[in-house]
N, C-alpha and C. Protein backbone atom coordinates (compact mmCIF):
# COMPACT_ATOMS: atom_id res chain seq x y z
N MET A 1 4.01 -0.46 -20.40
CA MET A 1 3.97 -0.68 -18.96
C MET A 1 3.06 -1.87 -18.73
N THR A 2 3.49 -2.75 -17.86
CA THR A 2 2.63 -3.94 -17.52
C THR A 2 1.53 -3.48 -16.58
N ILE A 3 0.56 -4.38 -16.33
CA ILE A 3 -0.54 -4.10 -15.42
C ILE A 3 0.08 -3.83 -14.04
N LEU A 4 1.06 -4.61 -13.59
CA LEU A 4 1.69 -4.45 -12.32
C LEU A 4 2.39 -3.10 -12.19
N THR A 5 3.25 -2.77 -13.17
CA THR A 5 4.00 -1.52 -13.08
C THR A 5 3.03 -0.31 -13.14
N GLN A 6 1.95 -0.42 -13.93
CA GLN A 6 0.97 0.66 -13.97
C GLN A 6 0.28 0.79 -12.58
N ALA A 7 -0.05 -0.34 -11.97
CA ALA A 7 -0.69 -0.32 -10.65
C ALA A 7 0.23 0.34 -9.64
N LEU A 8 1.52 0.03 -9.64
CA LEU A 8 2.47 0.62 -8.71
C LEU A 8 2.70 2.09 -8.97
N ALA A 9 2.76 2.46 -10.28
CA ALA A 9 2.91 3.84 -10.59
C ALA A 9 1.67 4.63 -10.10
N ASP A 10 0.49 4.05 -10.24
CA ASP A 10 -0.72 4.70 -9.78
C ASP A 10 -0.75 4.84 -8.30
N ILE A 11 -0.26 3.85 -7.56
CA ILE A 11 -0.20 3.97 -6.10
C ILE A 11 0.64 5.20 -5.73
N LEU A 12 1.71 5.43 -6.39
CA LEU A 12 2.58 6.58 -6.08
C LEU A 12 1.96 7.86 -6.58
N THR A 13 1.47 7.90 -7.81
CA THR A 13 1.04 9.17 -8.38
C THR A 13 -0.42 9.55 -8.04
N LYS A 14 -1.27 8.53 -7.93
CA LYS A 14 -2.68 8.82 -7.64
C LYS A 14 -3.01 8.70 -6.18
N ASN A 15 -2.71 7.53 -5.56
CA ASN A 15 -3.00 7.34 -4.19
C ASN A 15 -2.14 8.24 -3.33
N MET A 16 -0.84 8.29 -3.53
CA MET A 16 0.07 9.05 -2.67
C MET A 16 0.25 10.50 -3.22
N SER A 17 -0.29 10.85 -4.33
CA SER A 17 -0.16 12.18 -4.94
C SER A 17 1.31 12.62 -5.03
N LEU A 18 2.10 11.72 -5.55
CA LEU A 18 3.54 11.96 -5.68
C LEU A 18 3.79 13.21 -6.52
N THR A 19 4.66 14.05 -6.05
CA THR A 19 5.07 15.22 -6.82
C THR A 19 6.59 15.23 -6.86
N THR A 20 7.24 15.79 -5.82
CA THR A 20 8.69 15.86 -5.81
C THR A 20 9.33 15.15 -4.66
N GLU A 21 8.57 14.30 -3.99
CA GLU A 21 9.12 13.60 -2.80
C GLU A 21 10.18 12.63 -3.21
N ARG A 22 11.06 12.35 -2.27
CA ARG A 22 12.01 11.30 -2.46
C ARG A 22 11.30 9.95 -2.12
N ILE A 23 11.82 8.90 -2.76
CA ILE A 23 11.22 7.62 -2.53
C ILE A 23 12.35 6.63 -2.18
N LEU A 24 12.08 5.86 -1.16
CA LEU A 24 13.05 4.85 -0.76
C LEU A 24 12.33 3.45 -0.75
N LEU A 25 12.84 2.59 -1.61
CA LEU A 25 12.28 1.21 -1.68
C LEU A 25 13.23 0.32 -0.87
N ILE A 26 12.63 -0.43 0.09
CA ILE A 26 13.34 -1.43 0.83
C ILE A 26 12.70 -2.78 0.51
N TYR A 27 13.46 -3.69 0.04
CA TYR A 27 12.87 -4.97 -0.48
C TYR A 27 13.73 -6.12 -0.08
N ASP A 28 13.16 -7.32 -0.22
CA ASP A 28 13.96 -8.56 -0.11
C ASP A 28 13.65 -9.38 -1.34
N ARG A 29 14.37 -10.44 -1.56
CA ARG A 29 14.15 -11.34 -2.65
C ARG A 29 13.99 -12.76 -2.14
N GLU A 30 13.39 -12.90 -0.99
CA GLU A 30 13.23 -14.23 -0.37
C GLU A 30 12.02 -14.94 -0.91
N SER A 31 11.18 -14.30 -1.68
CA SER A 31 10.03 -15.00 -2.31
C SER A 31 9.92 -14.48 -3.73
N GLU A 32 9.24 -15.32 -4.56
CA GLU A 32 9.08 -14.95 -5.93
C GLU A 32 8.30 -13.63 -6.06
N LEU A 33 7.21 -13.50 -5.24
CA LEU A 33 6.38 -12.30 -5.40
C LEU A 33 7.11 -11.05 -4.95
N SER A 34 7.90 -11.10 -3.88
CA SER A 34 8.66 -9.94 -3.46
C SER A 34 9.70 -9.53 -4.56
N SER A 35 10.25 -10.48 -5.21
CA SER A 35 11.19 -10.18 -6.27
C SER A 35 10.46 -9.53 -7.47
N ILE A 36 9.30 -10.04 -7.82
CA ILE A 36 8.52 -9.48 -8.88
C ILE A 36 8.11 -8.04 -8.60
N LEU A 37 7.65 -7.83 -7.34
CA LEU A 37 7.20 -6.51 -6.94
C LEU A 37 8.37 -5.56 -6.90
N ALA A 38 9.49 -5.97 -6.34
CA ALA A 38 10.68 -5.10 -6.26
C ALA A 38 11.13 -4.72 -7.67
N ASP A 39 11.19 -5.68 -8.57
CA ASP A 39 11.59 -5.35 -9.96
C ASP A 39 10.59 -4.40 -10.62
N ALA A 40 9.34 -4.55 -10.37
CA ALA A 40 8.30 -3.67 -10.94
C ALA A 40 8.44 -2.24 -10.40
N TYR A 41 8.72 -2.10 -9.10
CA TYR A 41 8.95 -0.80 -8.53
C TYR A 41 10.22 -0.18 -9.16
N LEU A 42 11.26 -0.97 -9.30
CA LEU A 42 12.46 -0.41 -9.91
C LEU A 42 12.25 0.04 -11.35
N GLU A 43 11.38 -0.66 -12.03
CA GLU A 43 10.99 -0.25 -13.43
C GLU A 43 10.22 1.07 -13.38
N VAL A 44 9.35 1.25 -12.38
CA VAL A 44 8.59 2.48 -12.24
C VAL A 44 9.53 3.65 -11.93
N PHE A 45 10.54 3.35 -11.11
CA PHE A 45 11.48 4.43 -10.76
C PHE A 45 12.18 4.96 -11.94
N THR A 46 12.42 4.16 -12.98
CA THR A 46 13.13 4.68 -14.18
C THR A 46 12.28 5.73 -14.90
N SER A 47 10.99 5.69 -14.70
CA SER A 47 10.13 6.67 -15.40
C SER A 47 9.80 7.87 -14.52
N LEU A 48 10.21 7.86 -13.26
CA LEU A 48 9.95 9.02 -12.40
C LEU A 48 11.14 9.95 -12.41
N GLU A 49 10.81 11.22 -12.30
CA GLU A 49 11.89 12.20 -12.23
C GLU A 49 12.32 12.46 -10.79
N ASN A 50 11.74 11.78 -9.87
CA ASN A 50 12.02 11.97 -8.44
C ASN A 50 13.37 11.28 -8.09
N LEU A 51 13.87 11.72 -7.00
CA LEU A 51 15.05 11.00 -6.43
C LEU A 51 14.56 9.77 -5.76
N SER A 52 14.95 8.58 -6.33
CA SER A 52 14.50 7.33 -5.77
C SER A 52 15.70 6.44 -5.47
N TYR A 53 15.59 5.71 -4.41
CA TYR A 53 16.65 4.82 -3.96
C TYR A 53 16.08 3.44 -3.65
N ALA A 54 16.91 2.43 -3.81
CA ALA A 54 16.44 1.06 -3.45
C ALA A 54 17.56 0.44 -2.61
N ILE A 55 17.04 -0.29 -1.57
CA ILE A 55 17.96 -1.00 -0.65
C ILE A 55 17.49 -2.44 -0.50
N ASP A 56 18.43 -3.39 -0.72
CA ASP A 56 18.13 -4.77 -0.45
C ASP A 56 18.24 -4.97 1.04
N PHE A 57 17.16 -5.39 1.65
CA PHE A 57 17.07 -5.52 3.12
C PHE A 57 18.18 -6.32 3.70
N HIS A 58 18.53 -7.40 3.01
CA HIS A 58 19.59 -8.33 3.60
C HIS A 58 21.00 -7.90 3.29
N ALA A 59 21.17 -6.83 2.54
CA ALA A 59 22.52 -6.36 2.26
C ALA A 59 22.94 -5.22 3.24
N HIS A 60 22.07 -4.90 4.16
CA HIS A 60 22.33 -3.83 5.10
C HIS A 60 21.87 -4.23 6.51
N THR A 61 22.43 -3.55 7.50
CA THR A 61 21.97 -3.78 8.87
C THR A 61 20.69 -2.99 9.09
N SER A 62 19.96 -3.41 10.12
CA SER A 62 18.73 -2.68 10.49
C SER A 62 19.04 -1.20 10.78
N GLU A 63 20.20 -1.02 11.51
CA GLU A 63 20.59 0.35 11.86
C GLU A 63 20.86 1.20 10.61
N GLN A 64 21.53 0.64 9.60
CA GLN A 64 21.78 1.35 8.37
C GLN A 64 20.47 1.73 7.63
N ILE A 65 19.55 0.79 7.62
CA ILE A 65 18.23 1.00 6.98
C ILE A 65 17.48 2.08 7.72
N ILE A 66 17.40 1.98 8.99
CA ILE A 66 16.69 2.96 9.80
C ILE A 66 17.30 4.37 9.64
N GLU A 67 18.62 4.43 9.64
CA GLU A 67 19.27 5.72 9.44
C GLU A 67 18.94 6.29 8.09
N ARG A 68 18.91 5.48 7.07
CA ARG A 68 18.58 5.94 5.73
C ARG A 68 17.11 6.41 5.66
N MET A 69 16.17 5.69 6.28
CA MET A 69 14.78 6.07 6.27
C MET A 69 14.58 7.40 6.96
N PHE A 70 15.15 7.55 8.16
CA PHE A 70 14.95 8.75 8.96
C PHE A 70 15.78 9.93 8.52
N SER A 71 16.67 9.74 7.51
CA SER A 71 17.38 10.86 6.94
C SER A 71 16.62 11.48 5.79
N LEU A 72 15.50 10.84 5.40
CA LEU A 72 14.69 11.38 4.34
C LEU A 72 13.98 12.67 4.80
N PRO A 73 13.74 13.63 3.87
CA PRO A 73 13.00 14.80 4.26
C PRO A 73 11.54 14.45 4.44
N PRO A 74 10.82 15.33 5.23
CA PRO A 74 9.35 15.14 5.41
C PRO A 74 8.68 15.02 4.07
N GLU A 75 7.57 14.29 4.01
CA GLU A 75 6.76 14.05 2.81
C GLU A 75 7.37 13.04 1.88
N SER A 76 8.55 12.48 2.24
CA SER A 76 9.09 11.41 1.42
C SER A 76 8.27 10.17 1.53
N ILE A 77 8.59 9.14 0.69
CA ILE A 77 7.81 7.94 0.72
C ILE A 77 8.78 6.74 0.85
N VAL A 78 8.44 5.90 1.87
CA VAL A 78 9.19 4.63 2.03
C VAL A 78 8.27 3.49 1.60
N ILE A 79 8.78 2.62 0.72
CA ILE A 79 8.04 1.47 0.25
C ILE A 79 8.71 0.25 0.80
N LEU A 80 7.96 -0.59 1.49
CA LEU A 80 8.50 -1.82 2.06
C LEU A 80 7.93 -3.02 1.33
N VAL A 81 8.75 -3.78 0.66
CA VAL A 81 8.37 -4.99 -0.08
C VAL A 81 8.98 -6.17 0.63
N GLN A 82 8.14 -6.95 1.36
CA GLN A 82 8.60 -7.93 2.30
C GLN A 82 8.05 -9.30 2.09
N SER A 83 8.89 -10.31 2.01
CA SER A 83 8.41 -11.68 1.94
C SER A 83 7.68 -12.05 3.23
N THR A 84 8.18 -11.60 4.34
CA THR A 84 7.46 -11.83 5.62
C THR A 84 7.18 -10.45 6.17
N ASN A 85 7.98 -10.07 7.25
CA ASN A 85 7.79 -8.79 7.84
C ASN A 85 9.15 -8.34 8.36
N PHE A 86 9.64 -7.19 7.89
CA PHE A 86 10.94 -6.71 8.35
C PHE A 86 10.87 -6.33 9.82
N ARG A 87 11.86 -6.77 10.57
CA ARG A 87 11.97 -6.35 11.96
C ARG A 87 13.00 -5.26 12.03
N LEU A 88 12.56 -4.01 12.02
CA LEU A 88 13.51 -2.90 12.01
C LEU A 88 13.60 -2.18 13.35
N SER A 89 12.56 -2.35 14.15
CA SER A 89 12.60 -1.66 15.45
C SER A 89 11.71 -2.45 16.41
N GLU A 90 11.73 -1.99 17.66
CA GLU A 90 10.91 -2.69 18.66
C GLU A 90 9.43 -2.43 18.49
N PHE A 91 9.10 -1.30 17.83
CA PHE A 91 7.71 -0.92 17.65
C PHE A 91 7.43 -0.95 16.14
N ARG A 92 6.27 -0.54 15.78
CA ARG A 92 5.84 -0.60 14.37
C ARG A 92 6.56 0.60 13.63
N ILE A 93 7.31 0.19 12.66
CA ILE A 93 8.09 1.19 11.85
C ILE A 93 7.20 2.19 11.11
N ARG A 94 6.06 1.73 10.68
CA ARG A 94 5.15 2.63 9.99
C ARG A 94 4.72 3.78 10.89
N LEU A 95 4.48 3.54 12.19
CA LEU A 95 4.08 4.60 13.08
C LEU A 95 5.23 5.59 13.33
N GLU A 96 6.42 5.03 13.41
CA GLU A 96 7.62 5.88 13.60
C GLU A 96 7.80 6.79 12.35
N LEU A 97 7.57 6.19 11.21
CA LEU A 97 7.69 7.03 9.96
C LEU A 97 6.59 8.10 9.96
N PHE A 98 5.37 7.69 10.29
CA PHE A 98 4.23 8.57 10.33
C PHE A 98 4.58 9.80 11.23
N ASN A 99 5.13 9.51 12.41
CA ASN A 99 5.46 10.58 13.35
C ASN A 99 6.51 11.53 12.83
N LYS A 100 7.31 11.07 11.89
CA LYS A 100 8.32 11.91 11.28
C LYS A 100 7.87 12.50 9.93
N ASN A 101 6.54 12.36 9.68
CA ASN A 101 5.93 12.94 8.46
C ASN A 101 6.54 12.27 7.21
N ILE A 102 6.84 10.97 7.27
CA ILE A 102 7.34 10.21 6.13
C ILE A 102 6.23 9.21 5.80
N ASN A 103 5.80 9.17 4.56
CA ASN A 103 4.74 8.30 4.12
C ASN A 103 5.26 6.88 3.90
N CYS A 104 4.38 5.96 4.02
CA CYS A 104 4.79 4.53 3.90
C CYS A 104 3.80 3.75 3.05
N VAL A 105 4.28 2.97 2.15
CA VAL A 105 3.53 1.98 1.40
C VAL A 105 4.15 0.62 1.80
N GLU A 106 3.30 -0.27 2.26
CA GLU A 106 3.80 -1.54 2.76
C GLU A 106 3.13 -2.70 2.08
N HIS A 107 3.99 -3.61 1.56
CA HIS A 107 3.52 -4.91 0.98
C HIS A 107 4.22 -5.92 1.81
N ASN A 108 3.51 -6.55 2.76
CA ASN A 108 4.17 -7.56 3.62
C ASN A 108 3.54 -8.93 3.45
N HIS A 109 4.23 -9.86 3.97
CA HIS A 109 3.82 -11.34 3.95
C HIS A 109 3.61 -11.86 2.51
N LEU A 110 4.38 -11.33 1.58
CA LEU A 110 4.26 -11.75 0.16
C LEU A 110 4.70 -13.20 0.01
N GLY A 111 5.53 -13.72 0.85
CA GLY A 111 6.00 -15.09 0.75
C GLY A 111 4.90 -16.11 0.99
N TYR A 112 3.81 -15.68 1.59
CA TYR A 112 2.69 -16.61 1.90
C TYR A 112 1.69 -16.65 0.76
N ILE A 113 1.82 -15.87 -0.28
CA ILE A 113 0.88 -15.85 -1.36
C ILE A 113 1.34 -16.88 -2.41
N PRO A 114 0.51 -17.93 -2.69
CA PRO A 114 0.90 -18.89 -3.69
C PRO A 114 0.90 -18.32 -5.09
N SER A 115 1.72 -18.85 -5.95
CA SER A 115 1.89 -18.36 -7.31
C SER A 115 0.60 -18.27 -8.08
N GLU A 116 -0.35 -19.22 -7.83
CA GLU A 116 -1.61 -19.18 -8.57
C GLU A 116 -2.48 -17.95 -8.16
N GLN A 117 -2.07 -17.27 -7.11
CA GLN A 117 -2.81 -16.05 -6.66
C GLN A 117 -2.09 -14.74 -7.06
N PHE A 118 -0.97 -14.83 -7.78
CA PHE A 118 -0.24 -13.61 -8.12
C PHE A 118 -1.10 -12.66 -8.96
N ASP A 119 -1.83 -13.17 -9.93
CA ASP A 119 -2.65 -12.33 -10.80
C ASP A 119 -3.75 -11.62 -10.01
N THR A 120 -4.36 -12.34 -9.00
CA THR A 120 -5.33 -11.77 -8.15
C THR A 120 -4.73 -10.62 -7.34
N PHE A 121 -3.51 -10.87 -6.78
CA PHE A 121 -2.79 -9.86 -6.02
C PHE A 121 -2.56 -8.66 -6.85
N THR A 122 -2.05 -8.85 -8.05
CA THR A 122 -1.76 -7.72 -8.94
C THR A 122 -3.02 -6.95 -9.27
N ASP A 123 -4.12 -7.67 -9.55
CA ASP A 123 -5.38 -6.98 -9.84
C ASP A 123 -5.86 -6.18 -8.65
N ALA A 124 -5.64 -6.67 -7.44
CA ALA A 124 -6.12 -5.93 -6.31
C ALA A 124 -5.31 -4.64 -6.06
N LEU A 125 -4.14 -4.51 -6.65
CA LEU A 125 -3.37 -3.28 -6.53
C LEU A 125 -3.81 -2.18 -7.50
N ARG A 126 -4.59 -2.53 -8.47
CA ARG A 126 -5.01 -1.57 -9.53
C ARG A 126 -5.86 -0.46 -8.88
N TYR A 127 -5.58 0.75 -9.33
CA TYR A 127 -6.29 1.92 -8.84
C TYR A 127 -7.63 2.00 -9.56
N ARG A 128 -8.70 2.11 -8.75
CA ARG A 128 -10.04 2.15 -9.33
C ARG A 128 -10.85 3.29 -8.63
N GLY A 129 -10.20 4.47 -8.56
CA GLY A 129 -10.82 5.59 -7.82
C GLY A 129 -12.23 5.93 -8.24
N SER A 130 -12.48 6.04 -9.53
CA SER A 130 -13.85 6.37 -10.00
C SER A 130 -14.86 5.28 -9.64
N PHE A 131 -14.46 4.01 -9.72
CA PHE A 131 -15.39 2.92 -9.30
C PHE A 131 -15.69 3.07 -7.81
N TYR A 132 -14.63 3.32 -6.99
CA TYR A 132 -14.84 3.41 -5.53
C TYR A 132 -15.76 4.55 -5.23
N GLN A 133 -15.59 5.70 -5.93
CA GLN A 133 -16.49 6.84 -5.69
C GLN A 133 -17.92 6.53 -6.01
N ARG A 134 -18.15 5.87 -7.12
CA ARG A 134 -19.50 5.49 -7.55
C ARG A 134 -20.08 4.50 -6.58
N ALA A 135 -19.32 3.51 -6.14
CA ALA A 135 -19.81 2.51 -5.18
C ALA A 135 -20.17 3.18 -3.84
N TYR A 136 -19.30 4.09 -3.43
CA TYR A 136 -19.59 4.82 -2.18
C TYR A 136 -20.87 5.63 -2.31
N ALA A 137 -21.03 6.36 -3.38
CA ALA A 137 -22.24 7.15 -3.58
C ALA A 137 -23.50 6.31 -3.61
N HIS A 138 -23.38 5.11 -4.17
CA HIS A 138 -24.52 4.19 -4.25
C HIS A 138 -24.84 3.55 -2.86
N LEU A 139 -23.84 3.19 -2.12
CA LEU A 139 -24.06 2.52 -0.86
C LEU A 139 -24.33 3.44 0.30
N LYS A 140 -23.81 4.62 0.26
CA LYS A 140 -23.90 5.55 1.42
C LYS A 140 -25.36 5.73 1.89
N PRO A 141 -26.28 6.12 1.02
CA PRO A 141 -27.68 6.33 1.51
C PRO A 141 -28.31 5.05 2.03
N ARG A 142 -27.95 3.94 1.50
CA ARG A 142 -28.49 2.65 1.94
C ARG A 142 -27.99 2.30 3.32
N ILE A 143 -26.69 2.56 3.52
CA ILE A 143 -26.09 2.30 4.86
C ILE A 143 -26.71 3.19 5.88
N GLU A 144 -26.87 4.46 5.52
CA GLU A 144 -27.43 5.42 6.48
C GLU A 144 -28.86 5.10 6.89
N LEU A 145 -29.60 4.40 6.05
CA LEU A 145 -30.97 4.00 6.36
C LEU A 145 -31.07 2.63 7.05
N SER A 146 -29.92 1.91 7.09
CA SER A 146 -29.95 0.53 7.62
C SER A 146 -29.60 0.48 9.10
N LYS A 147 -30.30 -0.42 9.82
CA LYS A 147 -29.90 -0.71 11.17
C LYS A 147 -28.99 -1.87 11.25
N GLU A 148 -29.05 -2.72 10.19
CA GLU A 148 -28.23 -3.92 10.12
C GLU A 148 -28.05 -4.30 8.66
N ILE A 149 -26.93 -4.87 8.32
CA ILE A 149 -26.71 -5.39 6.98
C ILE A 149 -26.36 -6.85 7.12
N THR A 150 -27.03 -7.65 6.32
CA THR A 150 -26.78 -9.13 6.28
C THR A 150 -26.20 -9.50 4.93
N VAL A 151 -25.11 -10.26 5.02
CA VAL A 151 -24.49 -10.72 3.79
C VAL A 151 -24.53 -12.29 3.82
N GLU A 152 -25.08 -12.85 2.78
CA GLU A 152 -25.11 -14.31 2.67
C GLU A 152 -24.13 -14.77 1.64
N GLY A 153 -23.24 -15.66 2.05
CA GLY A 153 -22.23 -16.20 1.13
C GLY A 153 -22.79 -17.26 0.21
N GLU A 154 -21.97 -17.58 -0.77
CA GLU A 154 -22.33 -18.58 -1.80
C GLU A 154 -22.73 -19.91 -1.22
N TYR A 155 -22.10 -20.33 -0.09
CA TYR A 155 -22.37 -21.63 0.49
C TYR A 155 -23.24 -21.56 1.77
N GLY A 156 -23.96 -20.42 1.90
CA GLY A 156 -24.91 -20.28 2.99
C GLY A 156 -24.42 -19.62 4.26
N ALA A 157 -23.13 -19.28 4.31
CA ALA A 157 -22.63 -18.54 5.49
C ALA A 157 -23.28 -17.19 5.57
N ILE A 158 -23.65 -16.77 6.78
CA ILE A 158 -24.34 -15.46 6.94
C ILE A 158 -23.48 -14.59 7.87
N LEU A 159 -23.28 -13.35 7.46
CA LEU A 159 -22.60 -12.36 8.29
C LEU A 159 -23.58 -11.23 8.54
N ARG A 160 -23.68 -10.78 9.73
CA ARG A 160 -24.55 -9.65 10.09
C ARG A 160 -23.69 -8.53 10.65
N PHE A 161 -23.91 -7.31 10.17
CA PHE A 161 -23.22 -6.13 10.67
C PHE A 161 -24.23 -5.12 11.14
N GLY A 162 -23.98 -4.59 12.32
CA GLY A 162 -24.89 -3.59 12.88
C GLY A 162 -24.66 -3.46 14.34
N PRO A 163 -25.02 -2.42 14.96
CA PRO A 163 -25.65 -1.24 14.30
C PRO A 163 -24.58 -0.57 13.44
N MET A 164 -25.06 0.18 12.45
CA MET A 164 -24.16 0.76 11.45
C MET A 164 -23.64 2.10 11.88
N GLU A 165 -22.38 2.38 11.63
CA GLU A 165 -21.79 3.67 11.84
C GLU A 165 -22.00 4.50 10.62
N ALA A 166 -21.74 5.80 10.73
CA ALA A 166 -21.81 6.69 9.55
C ALA A 166 -20.78 6.24 8.51
N PRO A 167 -21.16 6.08 7.27
CA PRO A 167 -20.20 5.62 6.24
C PRO A 167 -19.18 6.66 5.96
N ARG A 168 -17.96 6.19 5.70
CA ARG A 168 -16.85 7.07 5.33
C ARG A 168 -16.23 6.51 4.06
N PRO A 169 -15.87 7.36 3.12
CA PRO A 169 -15.29 6.83 1.89
C PRO A 169 -13.91 6.34 2.09
N ASN A 170 -13.56 5.25 1.50
CA ASN A 170 -12.21 4.76 1.45
C ASN A 170 -11.95 4.44 0.02
N ILE A 171 -11.60 5.52 -0.75
CA ILE A 171 -11.51 5.41 -2.17
C ILE A 171 -10.11 5.48 -2.67
N GLY A 172 -9.10 5.34 -1.78
CA GLY A 172 -7.71 5.36 -2.15
C GLY A 172 -7.18 6.75 -2.51
N ASP A 173 -7.90 7.79 -2.06
CA ASP A 173 -7.41 9.15 -2.28
C ASP A 173 -6.98 9.74 -0.93
N TYR A 174 -5.69 9.85 -0.78
CA TYR A 174 -5.14 10.36 0.47
C TYR A 174 -4.61 11.74 0.33
N SER A 175 -4.99 12.46 -0.70
CA SER A 175 -4.44 13.77 -0.98
C SER A 175 -4.72 14.81 0.08
N GLU A 176 -5.79 14.66 0.84
CA GLU A 176 -6.15 15.61 1.85
C GLU A 176 -5.74 15.13 3.26
N MET A 177 -5.05 14.03 3.35
CA MET A 177 -4.61 13.51 4.68
C MET A 177 -3.31 14.20 5.01
N PRO A 178 -3.08 14.48 6.32
CA PRO A 178 -1.84 15.05 6.73
C PRO A 178 -0.65 14.18 6.40
N HIS A 179 -0.84 12.85 6.50
CA HIS A 179 0.15 11.88 6.13
C HIS A 179 -0.58 10.89 5.19
N ARG A 180 0.04 10.54 4.09
CA ARG A 180 -0.64 9.69 3.12
C ARG A 180 -0.36 8.23 3.29
N GLY A 181 0.51 7.85 4.20
CA GLY A 181 0.87 6.47 4.33
C GLY A 181 0.10 5.73 5.38
C-alpha cells in the first residue's frame, strides 16, 4: 500500500471508525490530483469488505448524484473528490448529508494545488493520532495558563492570539461524535 492509499484507508478506518457502513465516492478527473486521489480511493475500496460505490461526477446529473447520496442508509460515508467544488444543491451539501446522518469526507479545490505540492498534500492526510494526543497533552496546560500567545514567523511576522478559550482536542478521532463527517 502506498503512503497515499494508507492515509486514505486510515481516514476511513481510524478517523471515521468505518465498520459496516456503505461508502459512496463521487469524483472528477479534471485535475491531476483529483485523478490520483480518486484512483487511490478506488484501490482502498478493493481491500474493504464494505459495499462501496464510485460515481464520476461528470457522467451523471446533479439530480442522479443527489438521489444516490440520499438513498444511502444512515451512518454511510460520502467521499467528495473535487478539482474545484461540486455544485449539487443550493445550499451546502455536507450540511444536508449531516442532517440525514450521512458522514462526509471532502477533498475540494484539488485543481489549485500545484504538482510540486502533491507530496505535502499526501503527507498532510496521514493519520497521526498518537502525535496529536501527545501535542494536545503538552499544550493544554500551557494554553490554560496563558492570557495571550504570540507566534513569530521565520521572517519576523508576528501573530498574537488571545484571550484564550479553553483548549479542545482536535486529534482526528470522531468516534464519539454523533456524525463523523
